[in-house]
């Protein structure tokens, strides 16, 4: 016999089970993925700080790792859209950077990962943040549903400002048929 769980809170009762027509979707507190990278001279612009193109590459790698880790071994994802990428402070060559990532939006065929650059030495605020949207694709490269079904919850309240920006951007840009 298959075990079925319901989001009824701590009280498991026949009334609670009977009030649900189908098993609920699991609610997942999304994990945080950490990416570390040393900024090398090859990553620098003519000012000796992180070049915007290198930032985009590093952020995409961090976002991909976050999305892939969330989906698991069946992940076959592609970047669909860079919703937002902001760099707030120059990052000099030789700096070891840390980027935290989590999934903030998840539907059956589209997810948005959020990234935050942990404060640099002597700083209090993030040096960068961003939002990137991914889709799952099948063997032919067409959009497909993700192999998991879940509702998500951010790991903590520090992600709320990015969540607000994401919701605004999703409304403005639309999802172009990707749900």
N, C-alpha and C. Protein backbone atom coordinates (compact mmCIF):
# COMPACT_ATOMS: atom_id res chain seq x y z
N UNK A 1 0.83 -1.17 0.00
CA UNK A 1 0.00 0.00 0.00
C UNK A 1 0.88 1.24 0.00
N UNK A 2 0.54 2.22 -0.82
CA UNK A 2 1.30 3.44 -0.95
C UNK A 2 0.97 4.40 0.19
N UNK A 3 1.98 5.03 0.75
CA UNK A 3 1.78 6.00 1.82
C UNK A 3 1.45 7.36 1.21
N UNK A 4 0.47 8.03 1.75
CA UNK A 4 0.05 9.35 1.28
C UNK A 4 0.15 10.32 2.44
N UNK A 5 0.73 11.49 2.18
CA UNK A 5 0.81 12.49 3.25
C UNK A 5 -0.01 13.71 2.86
N UNK A 6 -0.56 14.37 3.87
CA UNK A 6 -1.38 15.55 3.67
C UNK A 6 -0.79 16.69 4.47
N UNK A 7 -0.91 17.90 3.95
CA UNK A 7 -0.45 19.07 4.70
C UNK A 7 -1.55 19.52 5.65
N UNK A 8 -1.76 18.76 6.70
CA UNK A 8 -2.83 19.04 7.65
C UNK A 8 -2.28 19.65 8.93
N UNK A 9 -1.02 19.91 8.97
CA UNK A 9 -0.43 20.41 10.21
C UNK A 9 -0.13 19.25 11.13
N UNK A 10 0.09 19.53 12.40
CA UNK A 10 0.48 18.48 13.33
C UNK A 10 -0.65 17.51 13.67
N UNK A 11 -1.89 17.88 13.34
CA UNK A 11 -3.02 17.02 13.70
C UNK A 11 -3.37 16.14 12.51
N UNK A 12 -3.16 14.88 12.64
CA UNK A 12 -3.54 13.91 11.62
C UNK A 12 -4.85 13.27 12.06
N UNK A 13 -5.92 13.57 11.37
CA UNK A 13 -7.21 13.02 11.76
C UNK A 13 -7.97 12.59 10.53
N UNK A 14 -8.98 11.77 10.75
CA UNK A 14 -9.82 11.31 9.64
C UNK A 14 -10.52 12.49 8.99
N UNK A 15 -10.89 13.51 9.77
CA UNK A 15 -11.54 14.69 9.21
C UNK A 15 -10.59 15.41 8.27
N UNK A 16 -9.35 15.56 8.68
CA UNK A 16 -8.36 16.24 7.86
C UNK A 16 -8.14 15.45 6.56
N UNK A 17 -7.93 14.15 6.67
CA UNK A 17 -7.68 13.33 5.48
C UNK A 17 -8.89 13.35 4.56
N UNK A 18 -10.07 13.32 5.10
CA UNK A 18 -11.28 13.30 4.28
C UNK A 18 -11.51 14.64 3.58
N UNK A 19 -10.95 15.72 4.12
CA UNK A 19 -11.17 17.04 3.52
C UNK A 19 -10.32 17.27 2.28
N UNK A 20 -9.38 16.38 2.02
CA UNK A 20 -8.52 16.51 0.86
C UNK A 20 -8.97 15.53 -0.22
N UNK A 21 -9.13 16.02 -1.43
CA UNK A 21 -9.54 15.15 -2.52
C UNK A 21 -8.36 14.42 -3.14
N UNK A 22 -7.19 15.00 -3.01
CA UNK A 22 -6.00 14.37 -3.55
C UNK A 22 -4.82 14.71 -2.65
N UNK A 23 -3.76 13.93 -2.72
CA UNK A 23 -2.59 14.26 -1.91
C UNK A 23 -2.07 15.64 -2.28
N UNK A 24 -1.59 16.36 -1.29
CA UNK A 24 -1.09 17.71 -1.54
C UNK A 24 0.30 17.67 -2.16
N UNK A 25 0.64 18.76 -2.80
CA UNK A 25 1.97 18.92 -3.36
C UNK A 25 2.93 19.20 -2.21
N UNK A 26 4.08 18.53 -2.18
CA UNK A 26 5.01 18.79 -1.08
C UNK A 26 5.52 20.23 -1.12
N UNK A 27 5.70 20.81 0.04
CA UNK A 27 6.26 22.15 0.15
C UNK A 27 7.73 21.99 0.51
N UNK A 28 8.59 22.57 -0.32
CA UNK A 28 10.02 22.42 -0.15
C UNK A 28 10.61 23.77 0.23
N UNK A 29 11.35 23.80 1.34
CA UNK A 29 12.15 24.98 1.66
C UNK A 29 13.40 24.83 0.80
N UNK A 30 13.55 25.75 -0.15
CA UNK A 30 14.62 25.58 -1.12
C UNK A 30 15.98 25.71 -0.46
N UNK A 31 16.89 24.83 -0.84
CA UNK A 31 18.24 24.91 -0.27
C UNK A 31 19.00 26.10 -0.86
N UNK A 32 20.05 26.48 -0.18
CA UNK A 32 20.95 27.51 -0.69
C UNK A 32 22.17 26.81 -1.26
N UNK A 33 22.51 27.18 -2.49
CA UNK A 33 23.71 26.66 -3.14
C UNK A 33 24.79 27.73 -3.06
N UNK A 34 25.99 27.34 -2.66
CA UNK A 34 27.11 28.27 -2.58
C UNK A 34 28.07 28.03 -3.73
N UNK A 35 28.48 29.11 -4.38
CA UNK A 35 29.47 29.06 -5.45
C UNK A 35 30.60 29.98 -5.05
N UNK A 36 31.83 29.47 -5.12
CA UNK A 36 33.01 30.28 -4.80
C UNK A 36 33.88 30.39 -6.04
N UNK A 37 34.47 31.55 -6.20
CA UNK A 37 35.30 31.78 -7.38
C UNK A 37 36.35 32.83 -7.07
N UNK A 38 37.58 32.59 -7.49
CA UNK A 38 38.64 33.58 -7.39
C UNK A 38 38.62 34.42 -8.65
N UNK A 39 38.54 35.73 -8.51
CA UNK A 39 38.56 36.63 -9.67
C UNK A 39 40.00 36.72 -10.17
N UNK A 40 40.20 36.24 -11.39
CA UNK A 40 41.54 36.17 -12.01
C UNK A 40 41.74 37.32 -12.99
N UNK A 41 42.98 37.59 -13.38
CA UNK A 41 43.22 38.65 -14.38
C UNK A 41 42.43 38.42 -15.69
N UNK A 42 42.19 37.18 -16.06
CA UNK A 42 41.42 36.90 -17.27
C UNK A 42 39.95 37.33 -17.13
N UNK A 43 39.48 37.51 -15.89
CA UNK A 43 38.10 37.93 -15.62
C UNK A 43 37.97 39.45 -15.54
N UNK A 44 39.09 40.17 -15.68
CA UNK A 44 39.10 41.60 -15.39
C UNK A 44 38.90 42.47 -16.63
N UNK A 45 38.42 43.69 -16.37
CA UNK A 45 38.34 44.72 -17.40
C UNK A 45 39.61 45.59 -17.33
N UNK A 46 39.64 46.70 -18.04
CA UNK A 46 40.82 47.57 -18.06
C UNK A 46 41.03 48.32 -16.75
N UNK A 47 40.08 48.25 -15.81
CA UNK A 47 40.24 48.86 -14.49
C UNK A 47 40.79 47.88 -13.46
N UNK A 48 40.99 46.63 -13.87
CA UNK A 48 41.49 45.62 -12.94
C UNK A 48 40.40 45.07 -12.02
N UNK A 49 39.14 45.24 -12.44
CA UNK A 49 38.02 44.70 -11.66
C UNK A 49 37.22 43.74 -12.53
N UNK A 50 36.31 43.03 -11.91
CA UNK A 50 35.53 42.02 -12.61
C UNK A 50 34.78 42.61 -13.80
N UNK A 51 35.04 42.05 -14.97
CA UNK A 51 34.42 42.47 -16.23
C UNK A 51 32.97 41.99 -16.26
N UNK A 52 32.07 42.79 -16.81
CA UNK A 52 30.64 42.45 -16.82
C UNK A 52 30.37 41.11 -17.52
N UNK A 53 31.08 40.83 -18.59
CA UNK A 53 30.90 39.55 -19.29
C UNK A 53 31.30 38.37 -18.42
N UNK A 54 32.37 38.55 -17.64
CA UNK A 54 32.78 37.49 -16.71
C UNK A 54 31.77 37.33 -15.59
N UNK A 55 31.22 38.45 -15.12
CA UNK A 55 30.17 38.38 -14.10
C UNK A 55 28.99 37.58 -14.62
N UNK A 56 28.57 37.84 -15.85
CA UNK A 56 27.44 37.10 -16.42
C UNK A 56 27.75 35.61 -16.49
N UNK A 57 28.94 35.24 -16.92
CA UNK A 57 29.33 33.82 -17.01
C UNK A 57 29.33 33.16 -15.63
N UNK A 58 29.92 33.83 -14.64
CA UNK A 58 30.00 33.29 -13.28
C UNK A 58 28.59 33.17 -12.69
N UNK A 59 27.77 34.20 -12.89
CA UNK A 59 26.40 34.18 -12.36
C UNK A 59 25.58 33.06 -13.01
N UNK A 60 25.74 32.88 -14.31
CA UNK A 60 25.02 31.81 -15.00
C UNK A 60 25.44 30.44 -14.46
N UNK A 61 26.72 30.24 -14.24
CA UNK A 61 27.19 28.97 -13.67
C UNK A 61 26.59 28.74 -12.28
N UNK A 62 26.54 29.79 -11.46
CA UNK A 62 25.95 29.67 -10.12
C UNK A 62 24.46 29.39 -10.20
N UNK A 63 23.76 30.08 -11.10
CA UNK A 63 22.31 29.87 -11.25
C UNK A 63 22.02 28.46 -11.78
N UNK A 64 22.82 28.00 -12.73
CA UNK A 64 22.63 26.66 -13.28
C UNK A 64 22.84 25.61 -12.19
N UNK A 65 23.89 25.78 -11.39
CA UNK A 65 24.16 24.83 -10.30
C UNK A 65 23.00 24.81 -9.31
N UNK A 66 22.44 25.98 -9.02
CA UNK A 66 21.31 26.09 -8.09
C UNK A 66 20.09 25.35 -8.66
N UNK A 67 19.75 25.62 -9.91
CA UNK A 67 18.58 25.01 -10.54
C UNK A 67 18.76 23.50 -10.69
N UNK A 68 19.93 23.09 -11.13
CA UNK A 68 20.20 21.67 -11.34
C UNK A 68 20.17 20.90 -10.02
N UNK A 69 20.73 21.48 -8.98
CA UNK A 69 20.71 20.84 -7.67
C UNK A 69 19.28 20.69 -7.14
N UNK A 70 18.44 21.70 -7.40
CA UNK A 70 17.06 21.65 -6.95
C UNK A 70 16.29 20.53 -7.66
N UNK A 71 16.44 20.40 -8.97
CA UNK A 71 15.72 19.38 -9.74
C UNK A 71 16.26 17.98 -9.46
N UNK A 72 17.55 17.84 -9.35
CA UNK A 72 18.14 16.53 -9.11
C UNK A 72 18.72 15.92 -10.37
N UNK A 73 18.97 14.62 -10.33
CA UNK A 73 19.69 13.97 -11.44
C UNK A 73 18.95 13.98 -12.77
N UNK A 74 17.64 14.19 -12.76
CA UNK A 74 16.89 14.21 -14.02
C UNK A 74 16.87 15.59 -14.67
N UNK A 75 17.62 16.53 -14.13
CA UNK A 75 17.64 17.89 -14.67
C UNK A 75 18.22 17.89 -16.08
N UNK A 76 17.52 18.52 -16.99
CA UNK A 76 17.99 18.78 -18.35
C UNK A 76 17.51 20.18 -18.68
N UNK A 77 18.15 21.16 -18.08
CA UNK A 77 17.64 22.53 -18.09
C UNK A 77 18.44 23.43 -19.02
N UNK A 78 17.74 24.47 -19.48
CA UNK A 78 18.34 25.51 -20.30
C UNK A 78 17.97 26.87 -19.74
N UNK A 79 18.88 27.82 -19.88
CA UNK A 79 18.56 29.20 -19.51
C UNK A 79 17.55 29.73 -20.51
N UNK A 80 16.46 30.27 -20.00
CA UNK A 80 15.44 30.87 -20.87
C UNK A 80 15.57 32.38 -20.88
N UNK A 81 15.89 32.96 -19.73
CA UNK A 81 15.91 34.42 -19.65
C UNK A 81 16.73 34.87 -18.45
N UNK A 82 17.54 35.90 -18.67
CA UNK A 82 18.15 36.63 -17.56
C UNK A 82 17.17 37.73 -17.22
N UNK A 83 16.48 37.58 -16.11
CA UNK A 83 15.49 38.57 -15.70
C UNK A 83 16.16 39.84 -15.17
N UNK A 84 17.24 39.65 -14.43
CA UNK A 84 17.91 40.77 -13.80
C UNK A 84 19.30 40.35 -13.37
N UNK A 85 20.26 41.25 -13.54
CA UNK A 85 21.61 41.03 -13.02
C UNK A 85 22.18 42.40 -12.68
N UNK A 86 22.45 42.62 -11.42
CA UNK A 86 22.92 43.90 -10.93
C UNK A 86 24.27 43.73 -10.25
N UNK A 87 25.22 44.60 -10.57
CA UNK A 87 26.51 44.63 -9.88
C UNK A 87 26.59 45.96 -9.15
N UNK A 88 26.72 45.92 -7.84
CA UNK A 88 26.67 47.12 -7.01
C UNK A 88 28.04 47.68 -6.64
N UNK A 89 29.08 46.85 -6.68
CA UNK A 89 30.42 47.28 -6.28
C UNK A 89 31.46 46.64 -7.19
N UNK A 90 32.54 47.36 -7.46
CA UNK A 90 33.62 46.74 -8.24
C UNK A 90 34.30 45.64 -7.43
N UNK A 91 34.68 44.58 -8.11
CA UNK A 91 35.34 43.45 -7.46
C UNK A 91 36.75 43.33 -8.03
N UNK A 92 37.78 43.64 -7.23
CA UNK A 92 39.14 43.61 -7.76
C UNK A 92 39.67 42.20 -8.02
N UNK A 93 40.61 42.13 -8.96
CA UNK A 93 41.31 40.87 -9.23
C UNK A 93 41.92 40.39 -7.91
N UNK A 94 41.87 39.07 -7.69
CA UNK A 94 42.42 38.48 -6.47
C UNK A 94 41.39 38.29 -5.37
N UNK A 95 40.18 38.77 -5.60
CA UNK A 95 39.11 38.62 -4.60
C UNK A 95 38.46 37.25 -4.73
N UNK A 96 38.25 36.59 -3.60
CA UNK A 96 37.50 35.34 -3.58
C UNK A 96 36.04 35.72 -3.33
N UNK A 97 35.19 35.44 -4.31
CA UNK A 97 33.78 35.80 -4.19
C UNK A 97 32.95 34.58 -3.83
N UNK A 98 31.83 34.85 -3.16
CA UNK A 98 30.86 33.81 -2.83
C UNK A 98 29.51 34.28 -3.34
N UNK A 99 28.82 33.40 -4.08
CA UNK A 99 27.48 33.70 -4.56
C UNK A 99 26.54 32.65 -3.98
N UNK A 100 25.49 33.14 -3.30
CA UNK A 100 24.46 32.26 -2.75
C UNK A 100 23.31 32.20 -3.75
N UNK A 101 22.76 31.02 -3.95
CA UNK A 101 21.65 30.88 -4.88
C UNK A 101 20.54 30.04 -4.29
N UNK A 102 19.30 30.33 -4.69
CA UNK A 102 18.14 29.54 -4.29
C UNK A 102 17.07 29.67 -5.36
N UNK A 103 16.10 28.79 -5.33
CA UNK A 103 14.98 28.85 -6.27
C UNK A 103 13.86 29.66 -5.61
N UNK A 104 13.39 30.70 -6.31
CA UNK A 104 12.32 31.54 -5.77
C UNK A 104 10.97 31.32 -6.44
N UNK A 105 10.97 30.75 -7.63
CA UNK A 105 9.72 30.57 -8.38
C UNK A 105 9.81 29.22 -9.09
N UNK A 106 8.74 28.43 -8.95
CA UNK A 106 8.75 27.10 -9.55
C UNK A 106 7.34 26.73 -9.99
N UNK A 107 7.17 26.51 -11.29
CA UNK A 107 5.91 26.02 -11.82
C UNK A 107 6.21 24.71 -12.55
N UNK A 108 5.23 24.17 -13.23
CA UNK A 108 5.45 22.86 -13.85
C UNK A 108 6.49 22.88 -14.96
N UNK A 109 6.78 24.09 -15.55
CA UNK A 109 7.72 24.12 -16.67
C UNK A 109 8.69 25.31 -16.64
N UNK A 110 8.68 26.10 -15.58
CA UNK A 110 9.55 27.28 -15.53
C UNK A 110 9.97 27.53 -14.08
N UNK A 111 11.24 27.85 -13.90
CA UNK A 111 11.73 28.17 -12.56
C UNK A 111 12.63 29.39 -12.63
N UNK A 112 12.67 30.14 -11.54
CA UNK A 112 13.56 31.30 -11.44
C UNK A 112 14.48 31.08 -10.25
N UNK A 113 15.79 31.19 -10.51
CA UNK A 113 16.77 31.13 -9.44
C UNK A 113 17.18 32.55 -9.08
N UNK A 114 17.45 32.77 -7.82
CA UNK A 114 17.91 34.06 -7.33
C UNK A 114 19.34 33.91 -6.85
N UNK A 115 20.14 34.93 -7.09
CA UNK A 115 21.54 34.93 -6.70
C UNK A 115 21.85 36.17 -5.88
N UNK A 116 22.69 36.02 -4.86
CA UNK A 116 23.15 37.15 -4.06
C UNK A 116 24.64 36.96 -3.81
N UNK A 117 25.43 37.98 -4.15
CA UNK A 117 26.86 37.95 -3.87
C UNK A 117 27.11 38.33 -2.43
N UNK A 118 27.63 37.40 -1.65
CA UNK A 118 27.90 37.69 -0.23
C UNK A 118 28.81 38.91 -0.12
N UNK A 119 28.60 39.73 0.92
CA UNK A 119 29.40 40.97 1.05
C UNK A 119 30.90 40.71 0.96
N UNK A 120 31.59 41.61 0.29
CA UNK A 120 33.05 41.53 0.18
C UNK A 120 33.67 41.96 1.51
N UNK A 121 34.94 41.69 1.68
CA UNK A 121 35.64 42.07 2.91
C UNK A 121 35.46 43.56 3.19
N UNK A 122 35.06 43.88 4.40
CA UNK A 122 34.87 45.27 4.81
C UNK A 122 33.55 45.88 4.35
N UNK A 123 32.69 45.11 3.70
CA UNK A 123 31.40 45.60 3.21
C UNK A 123 30.27 44.97 4.03
N UNK A 124 29.10 45.62 4.02
CA UNK A 124 27.94 45.10 4.74
C UNK A 124 26.86 44.55 3.81
N UNK A 125 26.86 45.02 2.56
CA UNK A 125 25.80 44.65 1.63
C UNK A 125 26.33 43.79 0.49
N UNK A 126 25.40 43.13 -0.17
CA UNK A 126 25.75 42.27 -1.31
C UNK A 126 26.42 43.09 -2.40
N UNK A 127 27.37 42.49 -3.10
CA UNK A 127 28.05 43.18 -4.20
C UNK A 127 27.32 42.96 -5.53
N UNK A 128 26.45 41.96 -5.58
CA UNK A 128 25.66 41.68 -6.78
C UNK A 128 24.42 40.91 -6.40
N UNK A 129 23.43 40.93 -7.29
CA UNK A 129 22.31 40.00 -7.18
C UNK A 129 21.71 39.81 -8.57
N UNK A 130 20.91 38.77 -8.70
CA UNK A 130 20.35 38.49 -10.02
C UNK A 130 19.24 37.47 -9.96
N UNK A 131 18.51 37.39 -11.08
CA UNK A 131 17.40 36.45 -11.26
C UNK A 131 17.52 35.84 -12.64
N UNK A 132 17.49 34.52 -12.71
CA UNK A 132 17.60 33.83 -14.00
C UNK A 132 16.53 32.75 -14.10
N UNK A 133 15.87 32.70 -15.27
CA UNK A 133 14.79 31.75 -15.51
C UNK A 133 15.26 30.56 -16.33
N UNK A 134 14.84 29.37 -15.93
CA UNK A 134 15.22 28.12 -16.59
C UNK A 134 14.00 27.30 -16.97
N UNK A 135 14.15 26.51 -18.03
CA UNK A 135 13.13 25.55 -18.43
C UNK A 135 13.78 24.17 -18.52
N UNK A 136 12.96 23.16 -18.34
CA UNK A 136 13.37 21.77 -18.55
C UNK A 136 13.11 21.46 -20.03
N UNK A 137 14.00 20.72 -20.67
CA UNK A 137 13.78 20.33 -22.06
C UNK A 137 13.84 18.81 -22.19
N UNK A 138 13.16 18.31 -23.23
CA UNK A 138 13.20 16.88 -23.51
C UNK A 138 14.39 16.56 -24.41
N UNK A 139 14.47 15.32 -24.88
CA UNK A 139 15.60 14.88 -25.70
C UNK A 139 15.70 15.65 -27.01
N UNK A 140 14.56 16.16 -27.51
CA UNK A 140 14.54 16.91 -28.76
C UNK A 140 14.80 18.41 -28.54
N UNK A 141 14.99 18.82 -27.29
CA UNK A 141 15.25 20.21 -27.00
C UNK A 141 14.02 21.08 -26.85
N UNK A 142 12.85 20.46 -26.78
CA UNK A 142 11.59 21.20 -26.59
C UNK A 142 11.28 21.32 -25.10
N UNK A 143 10.60 22.42 -24.75
CA UNK A 143 10.22 22.62 -23.35
C UNK A 143 9.37 21.44 -22.86
N UNK A 144 9.65 21.02 -21.64
CA UNK A 144 8.95 19.89 -21.03
C UNK A 144 8.67 20.23 -19.56
N UNK A 145 7.83 19.43 -18.93
CA UNK A 145 7.57 19.63 -17.51
C UNK A 145 8.76 19.14 -16.70
N UNK A 146 8.94 19.77 -15.55
CA UNK A 146 10.00 19.33 -14.64
C UNK A 146 9.65 17.94 -14.11
N UNK A 147 10.67 17.14 -13.79
CA UNK A 147 10.40 15.78 -13.30
C UNK A 147 9.92 15.73 -11.84
N UNK A 148 9.83 16.88 -11.18
CA UNK A 148 9.33 16.91 -9.80
C UNK A 148 8.17 17.90 -9.74
N UNK A 149 7.36 17.75 -8.72
CA UNK A 149 6.25 18.67 -8.48
C UNK A 149 6.38 19.14 -7.04
N UNK A 150 6.40 20.46 -6.86
CA UNK A 150 6.56 20.98 -5.50
C UNK A 150 6.13 22.43 -5.44
N UNK A 151 5.73 22.84 -4.26
CA UNK A 151 5.58 24.25 -3.95
C UNK A 151 6.83 24.61 -3.17
N UNK A 152 7.30 25.83 -3.36
CA UNK A 152 8.55 26.19 -2.71
C UNK A 152 8.35 27.29 -1.68
N UNK A 153 9.29 27.35 -0.78
CA UNK A 153 9.33 28.39 0.23
C UNK A 153 10.78 28.84 0.34
N UNK A 154 11.06 30.15 0.23
CA UNK A 154 12.44 30.61 0.35
C UNK A 154 13.03 30.23 1.70
N UNK A 155 14.35 30.06 1.76
CA UNK A 155 14.98 29.62 3.00
C UNK A 155 14.83 30.61 4.16
N UNK A 156 14.76 31.92 3.87
CA UNK A 156 14.58 32.91 4.93
C UNK A 156 14.14 34.23 4.32
N UNK A 157 13.89 35.21 5.16
CA UNK A 157 13.34 36.50 4.71
C UNK A 157 14.33 37.36 3.94
N UNK A 158 15.60 37.01 3.95
CA UNK A 158 16.60 37.82 3.24
C UNK A 158 16.38 37.80 1.72
N UNK A 159 15.57 36.90 1.22
CA UNK A 159 15.32 36.78 -0.21
C UNK A 159 14.08 37.57 -0.65
N UNK A 160 13.39 38.22 0.28
CA UNK A 160 12.12 38.88 -0.05
C UNK A 160 12.26 40.02 -1.05
N UNK A 161 13.32 40.81 -0.98
CA UNK A 161 13.46 41.91 -1.95
C UNK A 161 13.64 41.37 -3.36
N UNK A 162 14.40 40.30 -3.51
CA UNK A 162 14.54 39.68 -4.83
C UNK A 162 13.24 39.04 -5.29
N UNK A 163 12.51 38.47 -4.35
CA UNK A 163 11.20 37.87 -4.70
C UNK A 163 10.26 38.96 -5.24
N UNK A 164 10.24 40.13 -4.59
CA UNK A 164 9.41 41.24 -5.05
C UNK A 164 9.81 41.70 -6.45
N UNK A 165 11.13 41.85 -6.68
CA UNK A 165 11.61 42.24 -8.01
C UNK A 165 11.22 41.20 -9.05
N UNK A 166 11.37 39.92 -8.70
CA UNK A 166 11.03 38.84 -9.62
C UNK A 166 9.55 38.89 -10.00
N UNK A 167 8.67 39.05 -9.01
CA UNK A 167 7.24 39.09 -9.30
C UNK A 167 6.89 40.24 -10.23
N UNK A 168 7.51 41.38 -10.02
CA UNK A 168 7.28 42.53 -10.89
C UNK A 168 7.78 42.22 -12.31
N UNK A 169 8.96 41.67 -12.43
CA UNK A 169 9.52 41.36 -13.75
C UNK A 169 8.72 40.29 -14.49
N UNK A 170 8.24 39.30 -13.77
CA UNK A 170 7.43 38.26 -14.42
C UNK A 170 6.13 38.84 -14.95
N UNK A 171 5.55 39.79 -14.21
CA UNK A 171 4.31 40.44 -14.70
C UNK A 171 4.60 41.31 -15.92
N UNK A 172 5.68 42.08 -15.89
CA UNK A 172 6.02 42.98 -17.00
C UNK A 172 6.38 42.20 -18.25
N UNK A 173 7.25 41.22 -18.11
CA UNK A 173 7.77 40.51 -19.28
C UNK A 173 6.89 39.36 -19.71
N UNK A 174 6.02 38.93 -18.85
CA UNK A 174 5.17 37.78 -19.17
C UNK A 174 6.00 36.52 -19.24
N UNK A 175 5.33 35.41 -19.38
CA UNK A 175 6.03 34.13 -19.44
C UNK A 175 6.01 33.53 -20.82
N UNK A 176 5.39 34.21 -21.79
CA UNK A 176 5.36 33.74 -23.17
C UNK A 176 4.92 32.29 -23.30
N UNK A 177 3.86 31.93 -22.59
CA UNK A 177 3.34 30.58 -22.69
C UNK A 177 4.03 29.56 -21.83
N UNK A 178 5.11 29.93 -21.17
CA UNK A 178 5.80 28.99 -20.28
C UNK A 178 5.21 29.16 -18.90
N UNK A 179 4.63 28.12 -18.36
CA UNK A 179 3.97 28.21 -17.06
C UNK A 179 4.82 27.58 -16.00
